[in-house]
């Protein structure tokens, strides 16, 4: 069963990380290349925000036995299949799940152009996800 307290904590975490990332929205790839500390802040905030999104999705999917997932990138597709997030958002989140894997496992190959592109163009996806999940949680539940 979905534990709303867990989801609330995770949503708050995603929103906190998004606030950090938003401060760096205009950061360029060359800024990230020149300033290693800035890159560390952005990469960590991005990694943990994405992980929060995936954890929220996994927690919700635990209530749906037919929506098992094997890889993180499967989570958004399963959520879209259940009508919890839109198909367009699910596709963006699949790309974020792949980026999370790079941030965690292939950090030596991190492409600052891609990171700067996410900062400039994709931060709204986090807020959209939180909003769509909240709309799902606010749906009336069928009475027993």
C-alpha atoms as a PDB file:
ATOM      1  CA  UNK A   1       0.000   0.000   0.000  1.00  0.00           C
ATOM      2  CA  UNK A   2       1.204   3.470  -0.855  1.00  0.00           C
ATOM      3  CA  UNK A   3       2.534   5.221   2.216  1.00  0.00           C
ATOM      4  CA  UNK A   4       1.720   8.875   1.626  1.00  0.00           C
ATOM      5  CA  UNK A   5       4.267   9.966   4.233  1.00  0.00           C
ATOM      6  CA  UNK A   6       7.018   8.277   2.250  1.00  0.00           C
ATOM      7  CA  UNK A   7       5.782   9.859  -0.981  1.00  0.00           C
ATOM      8  CA  UNK A   8       5.526  13.268   0.660  1.00  0.00           C
ATOM      9  CA  UNK A   9       9.126  13.049   1.894  1.00  0.00           C
ATOM     10  CA  UNK A  10      10.312  11.974  -1.538  1.00  0.00           C
ATOM     11  CA  UNK A  11       8.333  14.727  -3.283  1.00  0.00           C
ATOM     12  CA  UNK A  12       9.790  17.307  -0.901  1.00  0.00           C
ATOM     13  CA  UNK A  13      13.266  15.961  -1.638  1.00  0.00           C
ATOM     14  CA  UNK A  14      12.736  16.263  -5.405  1.00  0.00           C
ATOM     15  CA  UNK A  15      11.432  19.810  -4.958  1.00  0.00           C
ATOM     16  CA  UNK A  16      14.465  20.763  -2.795  1.00  0.00           C
ATOM     17  CA  UNK A  17      16.887  19.392  -5.369  1.00  0.00           C
ATOM     18  CA  UNK A  18      14.959  21.133  -8.128  1.00  0.00           C
ATOM     19  CA  UNK A  19      15.358  24.438  -6.265  1.00  0.00           C
ATOM     20  CA  UNK A  20      19.126  23.874  -6.192  1.00  0.00           C
ATOM     21  CA  UNK A  21      19.217  22.935  -9.869  1.00  0.00           C
ATOM     22  CA  UNK A  22      17.135  25.954 -10.790  1.00  0.00           C
ATOM     23  CA  UNK A  23      19.900  28.225  -9.446  1.00  0.00           C
ATOM     24  CA  UNK A  24      22.187  26.726 -12.095  1.00  0.00           C
ATOM     25  CA  UNK A  25      19.655  26.855 -14.960  1.00  0.00           C
ATOM     26  CA  UNK A  26      21.852  29.196 -17.022  1.00  0.00           C
ATOM     27  CA  UNK A  27      25.081  27.288 -16.447  1.00  0.00           C
ATOM     28  CA  UNK A  28      26.875  26.369 -19.661  1.00  0.00           C
ATOM     29  CA  UNK A  29      28.886  23.279 -20.469  1.00  0.00           C
ATOM     30  CA  UNK A  30      32.071  25.338 -20.356  1.00  0.00           C
ATOM     31  CA  UNK A  31      31.088  26.651 -16.892  1.00  0.00           C
ATOM     32  CA  UNK A  32      30.746  23.066 -15.717  1.00  0.00           C
ATOM     33  CA  UNK A  33      34.039  22.067 -17.306  1.00  0.00           C
ATOM     34  CA  UNK A  34      35.927  25.001 -15.742  1.00  0.00           C
ATOM     35  CA  UNK A  35      34.330  24.801 -12.287  1.00  0.00           C
ATOM     36  CA  UNK A  36      34.575  21.290 -10.876  1.00  0.00           C
ATOM     37  CA  UNK A  37      32.782  22.216  -7.653  1.00  0.00           C
ATOM     38  CA  UNK A  38      29.824  23.546  -9.628  1.00  0.00           C
ATOM     39  CA  UNK A  39      29.772  20.327 -11.646  1.00  0.00           C
ATOM     40  CA  UNK A  40      29.752  18.294  -8.432  1.00  0.00           C
ATOM     41  CA  UNK A  41      26.820  20.263  -7.010  1.00  0.00           C
ATOM     42  CA  UNK A  42      24.819  20.012 -10.210  1.00  0.00           C
ATOM     43  CA  UNK A  43      25.610  16.339 -10.816  1.00  0.00           C
ATOM     44  CA  UNK A  44      24.729  15.346  -7.262  1.00  0.00           C
ATOM     45  CA  UNK A  45      21.497  17.348  -7.202  1.00  0.00           C
ATOM     46  CA  UNK A  46      20.533  15.932 -10.581  1.00  0.00           C
ATOM     47  CA  UNK A  47      21.353  12.372  -9.538  1.00  0.00           C
ATOM     48  CA  UNK A  48      19.386  12.549  -6.298  1.00  0.00           C
ATOM     49  CA  UNK A  49      16.422  14.347  -7.888  1.00  0.00           C
ATOM     50  CA  UNK A  50      16.213  11.649 -10.550  1.00  0.00           C
ATOM     51  CA  UNK A  51      16.561   8.959  -7.896  1.00  0.00           C
ATOM     52  CA  UNK A  52      13.730  10.577  -5.940  1.00  0.00           C
ATOM     53  CA  UNK A  53      11.491  10.486  -9.020  1.00  0.00           C
ATOM     54  CA  UNK A  54      12.315   6.832  -9.583  1.00  0.00           C
ATOM     55  CA  UNK A  55      11.773   5.975  -5.913  1.00  0.00           C
ATOM     56  CA  UNK A  56       8.356   7.640  -6.000  1.00  0.00           C
ATOM     57  CA  UNK A  57       7.455   5.650  -9.078  1.00  0.00           C
ATOM     58  CA  UNK A  58       8.710   2.379  -7.621  1.00  0.00           C
ATOM     59  CA  UNK A  59       6.761   2.979  -4.418  1.00  0.00           C
ATOM     60  CA  UNK A  60       3.535   3.565  -6.354  1.00  0.00           C
ATOM     61  CA  UNK A  61       4.109   0.571  -8.634  1.00  0.00           C
ATOM     62  CA  UNK A  62       4.458  -1.713  -5.623  1.00  0.00           C
ATOM     63  CA  UNK A  63       0.649  -1.463  -5.374  1.00  0.00           C
ATOM     64  CA  UNK A  64       0.267  -2.864  -8.904  1.00  0.00           C
ATOM     65  CA  UNK A  65       1.494  -6.473  -9.138  1.00  0.00           C
ATOM     66  CA  UNK A  66       1.103  -6.477 -12.939  1.00  0.00           C
ATOM     67  CA  UNK A  67       3.447  -3.496 -13.241  1.00  0.00           C
ATOM     68  CA  UNK A  68       6.688  -5.097 -12.154  1.00  0.00           C
ATOM     69  CA  UNK A  69       9.831  -3.448 -13.468  1.00  0.00           C
ATOM     70  CA  UNK A  70      13.378  -4.688 -13.925  1.00  0.00           C
ATOM     71  CA  UNK A  71      15.313  -1.537 -14.770  1.00  0.00           C
ATOM     72  CA  UNK A  72      14.861   2.027 -13.604  1.00  0.00           C
ATOM     73  CA  UNK A  73      13.976   3.163 -17.111  1.00  0.00           C
ATOM     74  CA  UNK A  74      10.942   0.817 -17.013  1.00  0.00           C
ATOM     75  CA  UNK A  75       9.324   2.734 -14.150  1.00  0.00           C
ATOM     76  CA  UNK A  76       8.079   5.754 -16.163  1.00  0.00           C
ATOM     77  CA  UNK A  77       6.616   3.495 -18.851  1.00  0.00           C
ATOM     78  CA  UNK A  78       4.703   1.495 -16.237  1.00  0.00           C
ATOM     79  CA  UNK A  79       3.424   4.694 -14.619  1.00  0.00           C
ATOM     80  CA  UNK A  80       2.216   5.975 -17.987  1.00  0.00           C
ATOM     81  CA  UNK A  81       0.504   2.646 -18.668  1.00  0.00           C
ATOM     82  CA  UNK A  82      -1.483   3.126 -15.476  1.00  0.00           C
ATOM     83  CA  UNK A  83      -2.392   6.711 -16.369  1.00  0.00           C
ATOM     84  CA  UNK A  84      -0.365   8.157 -13.499  1.00  0.00           C
ATOM     85  CA  UNK A  85       1.911  10.209 -15.756  1.00  0.00           C
ATOM     86  CA  UNK A  86       1.525  11.244 -19.379  1.00  0.00           C
ATOM     87  CA  UNK A  87       3.249   9.318 -22.158  1.00  0.00           C
ATOM     88  CA  UNK A  88       5.308  12.383 -23.096  1.00  0.00           C
ATOM     89  CA  UNK A  89       6.543  12.860 -19.550  1.00  0.00           C
ATOM     90  CA  UNK A  90       7.287   9.136 -19.288  1.00  0.00           C
ATOM     91  CA  UNK A  91       9.607   9.397 -22.304  1.00  0.00           C
ATOM     92  CA  UNK A  92      11.473  12.315 -20.708  1.00  0.00           C
ATOM     93  CA  UNK A  93      11.751  10.406 -17.441  1.00  0.00           C
ATOM     94  CA  UNK A  94      13.132   7.348 -19.250  1.00  0.00           C
ATOM     95  CA  UNK A  95      15.942   9.546 -20.551  1.00  0.00           C
ATOM     96  CA  UNK A  96      16.514  10.867 -17.030  1.00  0.00           C
ATOM     97  CA  UNK A  97      16.747   7.306 -15.711  1.00  0.00           C
ATOM     98  CA  UNK A  98      19.471   6.647 -18.270  1.00  0.00           C
ATOM     99  CA  UNK A  99      21.230   9.844 -17.187  1.00  0.00           C
ATOM    100  CA  UNK A 100      21.052   8.684 -13.576  1.00  0.00           C
ATOM    101  CA  UNK A 101      22.943   5.549 -14.574  1.00  0.00           C
ATOM    102  CA  UNK A 102      25.648   7.679 -16.178  1.00  0.00           C
ATOM    103  CA  UNK A 103      25.848   9.938 -13.117  1.00  0.00           C
ATOM    104  CA  UNK A 104      26.196   6.935 -10.800  1.00  0.00           C
ATOM    105  CA  UNK A 105      28.281   4.496 -12.831  1.00  0.00           C
ATOM    106  CA  UNK A 106      29.950   6.357 -15.697  1.00  0.00           C
ATOM    107  CA  UNK A 107      30.741   9.667 -14.013  1.00  0.00           C
ATOM    108  CA  UNK A 108      34.160   9.777 -15.670  1.00  0.00           C
ATOM    109  CA  UNK A 109      32.393   9.988 -19.022  1.00  0.00           C
ATOM    110  CA  UNK A 110      29.951  12.713 -17.971  1.00  0.00           C
ATOM    111  CA  UNK A 111      29.161  14.963 -20.920  1.00  0.00           C
ATOM    112  CA  UNK A 112      28.849  18.536 -19.658  1.00  0.00           C
ATOM    113  CA  UNK A 113      26.922  19.506 -22.805  1.00  0.00           C
ATOM    114  CA  UNK A 114      24.184  17.038 -21.861  1.00  0.00           C
ATOM    115  CA  UNK A 115      24.146  18.196 -18.230  1.00  0.00           C
ATOM    116  CA  UNK A 116      23.904  21.844 -19.306  1.00  0.00           C
ATOM    117  CA  UNK A 117      21.112  20.883 -21.704  1.00  0.00           C
ATOM    118  CA  UNK A 118      19.144  19.281 -18.888  1.00  0.00           C
ATOM    119  CA  UNK A 119      19.605  22.402 -16.765  1.00  0.00           C
ATOM    120  CA  UNK A 120      18.439  24.661 -19.573  1.00  0.00           C
ATOM    121  CA  UNK A 121      15.597  22.551 -20.961  1.00  0.00           C
ATOM    122  CA  UNK A 122      14.408  19.709 -18.755  1.00  0.00           C
ATOM    123  CA  UNK A 123      13.971  20.909 -15.172  1.00  0.00           C
ATOM    124  CA  UNK A 124      10.249  21.455 -15.719  1.00  0.00           C
ATOM    125  CA  UNK A 125       9.880  17.680 -16.096  1.00  0.00           C
ATOM    126  CA  UNK A 126      10.590  17.267 -12.378  1.00  0.00           C
ATOM    127  CA  UNK A 127       7.819  19.679 -11.419  1.00  0.00           C
ATOM    128  CA  UNK A 128       5.473  18.068 -13.961  1.00  0.00           C
ATOM    129  CA  UNK A 129       6.167  14.669 -12.436  1.00  0.00           C
ATOM    130  CA  UNK A 130       5.470  15.861  -8.901  1.00  0.00           C
ATOM    131  CA  UNK A 131       2.258  17.524 -10.126  1.00  0.00           C
ATOM    132  CA  UNK A 132       1.032  14.468 -12.001  1.00  0.00           C
ATOM    133  CA  UNK A 133       1.789  12.169  -9.072  1.00  0.00           C
ATOM    134  CA  UNK A 134      -0.019  14.552  -6.733  1.00  0.00           C
ATOM    135  CA  UNK A 135      -3.040  14.543  -9.067  1.00  0.00           C
ATOM    136  CA  UNK A 136      -2.984  10.730  -8.945  1.00  0.00           C
ATOM    137  CA  UNK A 137      -2.812  10.760  -5.148  1.00  0.00           C
ATOM    138  CA  UNK A 138      -5.662  13.270  -4.949  1.00  0.00           C
ATOM    139  CA  UNK A 139      -8.008  11.065  -6.980  1.00  0.00           C
ATOM    140  CA  UNK A 140     -10.921   9.775  -4.975  1.00  0.00           C
ATOM    141  CA  UNK A 141     -10.431   6.173  -3.957  1.00  0.00           C
ATOM    142  CA  UNK A 142     -13.262   3.731  -4.574  1.00  0.00           C
ATOM    143  CA  UNK A 143     -15.151   2.968  -1.380  1.00  0.00           C
ATOM    144  CA  UNK A 144     -14.876  -0.516  -0.018  1.00  0.00           C
END
